C-alpha atoms as a PDB file:
ATOM      1  CA  MET A   1      -0.049  -0.114  -0.048  1.00  0.00           C
ATOM      2  CA  GLU A   2       1.264   3.578  -0.733  1.00  0.00           C
ATOM      3  CA  LYS A   3       2.812   5.366   2.061  1.00  0.00           C
ATOM      4  CA  ALA A   4       0.802   8.546   1.353  1.00  0.00           C
ATOM      5  CA  PHE A   5      -2.607   6.705   1.746  1.00  0.00           C
ATOM      6  CA  VAL A   6      -1.617   4.928   4.907  1.00  0.00           C
ATOM      7  CA  ALA A   7      -0.310   8.379   6.419  1.00  0.00           C
ATOM      8  CA  LYS A   8      -3.615   9.988   5.336  1.00  0.00           C
ATOM      9  CA  ARG A   9      -5.535   7.333   7.382  1.00  0.00           C
ATOM     10  CA  VAL A  10      -3.369   7.912  10.328  1.00  0.00           C
ATOM     11  CA  ALA A  11      -3.777  11.672  10.070  1.00  0.00           C
ATOM     12  CA  LYS A  12      -7.546  11.562   9.810  1.00  0.00           C
ATOM     13  CA  LYS A  13      -7.666   9.566  13.098  1.00  0.00           C
ATOM     14  CA  LEU A  14      -5.266  11.953  14.707  1.00  0.00           C
ATOM     15  CA  PHE A  15      -7.505  14.976  13.716  1.00  0.00           C
ATOM     16  CA  ALA A  16     -10.565  13.264  14.982  1.00  0.00           C
ATOM     17  CA  THR A  17      -8.999  12.402  18.240  1.00  0.00           C
ATOM     18  CA  GLU A  18      -7.617  15.944  18.756  1.00  0.00           C
ATOM     19  CA  LYS A  19     -11.193  17.211  18.066  1.00  0.00           C
ATOM     20  CA  ALA A  20     -12.826  14.692  20.442  1.00  0.00           C
ATOM     21  CA  VAL A  21     -10.488  15.855  23.301  1.00  0.00           C
ATOM     22  CA  ASP A  22     -11.193  19.478  22.667  1.00  0.00           C
ATOM     23  CA  ALA A  23     -14.889  18.629  22.536  1.00  0.00           C
ATOM     24  CA  ALA A  24     -14.707  16.788  25.937  1.00  0.00           C
ATOM     25  CA  MET A  25     -12.824  19.790  27.400  1.00  0.00           C
ATOM     26  CA  LEU A  26     -15.602  22.075  26.366  1.00  0.00           C
ATOM     27  CA  GLU A  27     -18.430  19.865  27.593  1.00  0.00           C
ATOM     28  CA  ALA A  28     -16.690  19.630  30.981  1.00  0.00           C
ATOM     29  CA  ALA A  29     -16.252  23.375  31.215  1.00  0.00           C
ATOM     30  CA  GLU A  30     -19.904  23.846  30.318  1.00  0.00           C
ATOM     31  CA  LEU A  31     -20.913  21.219  32.951  1.00  0.00           C
ATOM     32  CA  MET A  32     -18.945  23.142  35.570  1.00  0.00           C
ATOM     33  CA  MET A  33     -20.733  26.453  34.607  1.00  0.00           C
ATOM     34  CA  GLU A  34     -23.992  24.829  34.747  1.00  0.00           C
ATOM     35  CA  MET A  35     -23.338  23.152  38.171  1.00  0.00           C
ATOM     36  CA  VAL A  36     -22.333  26.636  39.630  1.00  0.00           C
ATOM     37  CA  THR A  37     -25.210  28.445  38.041  1.00  0.00           C
ATOM     38  CA  SER A  38     -27.776  25.821  39.242  1.00  0.00           C
ATOM     39  CA  ARG A  39     -26.406  26.032  42.815  1.00  0.00           C
ATOM     40  CA  ARG A  40     -26.696  29.735  42.721  1.00  0.00           C
ATOM     41  CA  ASP A  41     -30.207  29.745  41.196  1.00  0.00           C
ATOM     42  CA  LEU A  42     -31.366  27.508  43.884  1.00  0.00           C
ATOM     43  CA  GLY A  43     -29.797  29.581  46.519  1.00  0.00           C
ATOM     44  CA  LEU A  44     -27.686  26.592  47.893  1.00  0.00           C
ATOM     45  CA  SER A  45     -24.604  26.960  49.939  1.00  0.00           C
ATOM     46  CA  ALA A  46     -21.194  26.609  48.224  1.00  0.00           C
ATOM     47  CA  VAL A  47     -20.673  23.407  50.347  1.00  0.00           C
ATOM     48  CA  VAL A  48     -23.488  21.731  48.283  1.00  0.00           C
ATOM     49  CA  GLY A  49     -21.803  19.730  45.360  1.00  0.00           C
ATOM     50  CA  ASP A  50     -18.399  20.970  46.348  1.00  0.00           C
ATOM     51  CA  SER A  51     -16.866  17.405  46.268  1.00  0.00           C
ATOM     52  CA  ALA A  52     -18.458  16.687  42.911  1.00  0.00           C
ATOM     53  CA  GLN A  53     -16.990  19.942  41.608  1.00  0.00           C
ATOM     54  CA  ALA A  54     -13.627  18.969  42.866  1.00  0.00           C
ATOM     55  CA  LYS A  55     -13.859  15.667  40.896  1.00  0.00           C
ATOM     56  CA  LEU A  56     -14.813  17.618  37.776  1.00  0.00           C
ATOM     57  CA  VAL A  57     -11.800  19.812  38.275  1.00  0.00           C
ATOM     58  CA  GLU A  58      -9.654  16.653  38.455  1.00  0.00           C
ATOM     59  CA  ALA A  59     -11.376  15.496  35.186  1.00  0.00           C
ATOM     60  CA  ILE A  60     -10.661  18.792  33.457  1.00  0.00           C
ATOM     61  CA  ALA A  61      -7.048  18.631  34.521  1.00  0.00           C
ATOM     62  CA  ALA A  62      -6.791  15.055  33.082  1.00  0.00           C
ATOM     63  CA  LEU A  63      -8.394  16.257  29.817  1.00  0.00           C
ATOM     64  CA  GLY A  64      -5.714  18.993  29.739  1.00  0.00           C
ATOM     65  CA  SER A  65      -2.903  16.471  30.223  1.00  0.00           C
ATOM     66  CA  ALA A  66      -4.550  14.365  27.446  1.00  0.00           C
ATOM     67  CA  ARG A  67      -4.633  17.297  25.127  1.00  0.00           C
ATOM     68  CA  THR A  68      -0.915  18.087  25.767  1.00  0.00           C
ATOM     69  CA  ALA A  69      -0.051  14.472  25.090  1.00  0.00           C
ATOM     70  CA  MET A  70      -1.906  14.654  21.813  1.00  0.00           C
ATOM     71  CA  VAL A  71      -0.122  17.771  20.748  1.00  0.00           C
ATOM     72  CA  GLU A  72       3.316  16.179  21.569  1.00  0.00           C
ATOM     73  CA  MET A  73       2.200  12.987  19.706  1.00  0.00           C
ATOM     74  CA  HIS A  74       1.211  15.096  16.738  1.00  0.00           C
ATOM     75  CA  GLY A  75       4.711  16.547  16.503  1.00  0.00           C
ATOM     76  CA  GLU A  76       6.303  13.165  16.763  1.00  0.00           C
ATOM     77  CA  LEU A  77       4.244  11.822  13.893  1.00  0.00           C
ATOM     78  CA  ASN A  78       5.000  14.806  11.949  1.00  0.00           C
ATOM     79  CA  ASP A  79       8.876  13.875  12.397  1.00  0.00           C
ATOM     80  CA  VAL A  80       7.880  10.222  11.307  1.00  0.00           C
ATOM     81  CA  ARG A  81       6.100  11.711   8.183  1.00  0.00           C
ATOM     82  CA  LEU A  82       9.173  13.587   7.340  1.00  0.00           C
ATOM     83  CA  ARG A  83      11.585  10.646   7.747  1.00  0.00           C
ATOM     84  CA  MET A  84       9.161   8.734   5.456  1.00  0.00           C
ATOM     85  CA  GLY A  85       9.825  11.262   2.835  1.00  0.00           C
ATOM     86  CA  LEU A  86       6.295  12.643   2.785  1.00  0.00           C
ATOM     87  CA  ARG A  87       6.678  16.381   2.315  1.00  0.00           C
ATOM     88  CA  THR A  88       3.206  17.622   1.957  1.00  0.00           C
ATOM     89  CA  THR A  89       0.581  17.836   4.512  1.00  0.00           C
ATOM     90  CA  MET A  90      -2.074  15.192   4.548  1.00  0.00           C
ATOM     91  CA  GLY A  91      -5.172  17.250   5.555  1.00  0.00           C
ATOM     92  CA  GLY A  92      -6.656  18.874   8.420  1.00  0.00           C
ATOM     93  CA  LEU A  93      -5.744  22.378   7.297  1.00  0.00           C
ATOM     94  CA  ASP A  94      -9.291  23.641   8.011  1.00  0.00           C
ATOM     95  CA  ASP A  95      -8.326  23.513  11.692  1.00  0.00           C
ATOM     96  CA  LYS A  96      -5.142  25.439  11.411  1.00  0.00           C
ATOM     97  CA  LEU A  97      -4.661  29.133  11.811  1.00  0.00           C
ATOM     98  CA  PRO A  98      -3.229  30.949   8.831  1.00  0.00           C
ATOM     99  CA  ASP A  99       0.507  31.837   9.027  1.00  0.00           C
ATOM    100  CA  THR A 100      -0.048  35.421   8.675  1.00  0.00           C
ATOM    101  CA  PRO A 101      -2.936  37.469  10.197  1.00  0.00           C
ATOM    102  CA  PRO A 102      -5.694  38.773   7.899  1.00  0.00           C
ATOM    103  CA  LYS A 103      -5.348  42.235   6.580  1.00  0.00           C
ATOM    104  CA  THR A 104      -7.662  44.365   8.726  1.00  0.00           C
ATOM    105  CA  GLY A 105      -6.452  47.949   8.044  1.00  0.00           C
ATOM    106  CA  HIS A 106      -4.796  48.128  11.355  1.00  0.00           C
ATOM    107  CA  HIS A 107      -1.039  48.338  11.331  1.00  0.00           C
ATOM    108  CA  ASP A 108       1.565  47.239  13.687  1.00  0.00           C
ATOM    109  CA  LEU A 109       3.323  50.161  15.365  1.00  0.00           C
ATOM    110  CA  ARG A 110       6.634  49.099  13.800  1.00  0.00           C
ATOM    111  CA  GLN A 111       5.057  49.517  10.370  1.00  0.00           C
ATOM    112  CA  VAL A 112       3.389  52.983  11.114  1.00  0.00           C
ATOM    113  CA  GLY A 113       6.476  54.759  12.658  1.00  0.00           C
END
């Protein structure tokens, strides 16, 4: 099987996994917001649900560690891609920021002076 097709399959799963971790982080943060808001709306003491919130904070920290590991793994797979002689990107560019900021009419102070 051609290297480029195999690499593309791996890249597709990598991008999907990165998106899933990001989505889980967002959901957990929204859960925390909902828990705090609900407690306040019901006029409950901060003690109510405190241990559950502490567990959620632990889960969010674990998701942050998972995201960091995915970013590091992404870099390592990029090195493998280069060692295999695959010089072009295999996709996922929709999620990437552009290398240069868009033209907005605003200028950097170094450009104005």
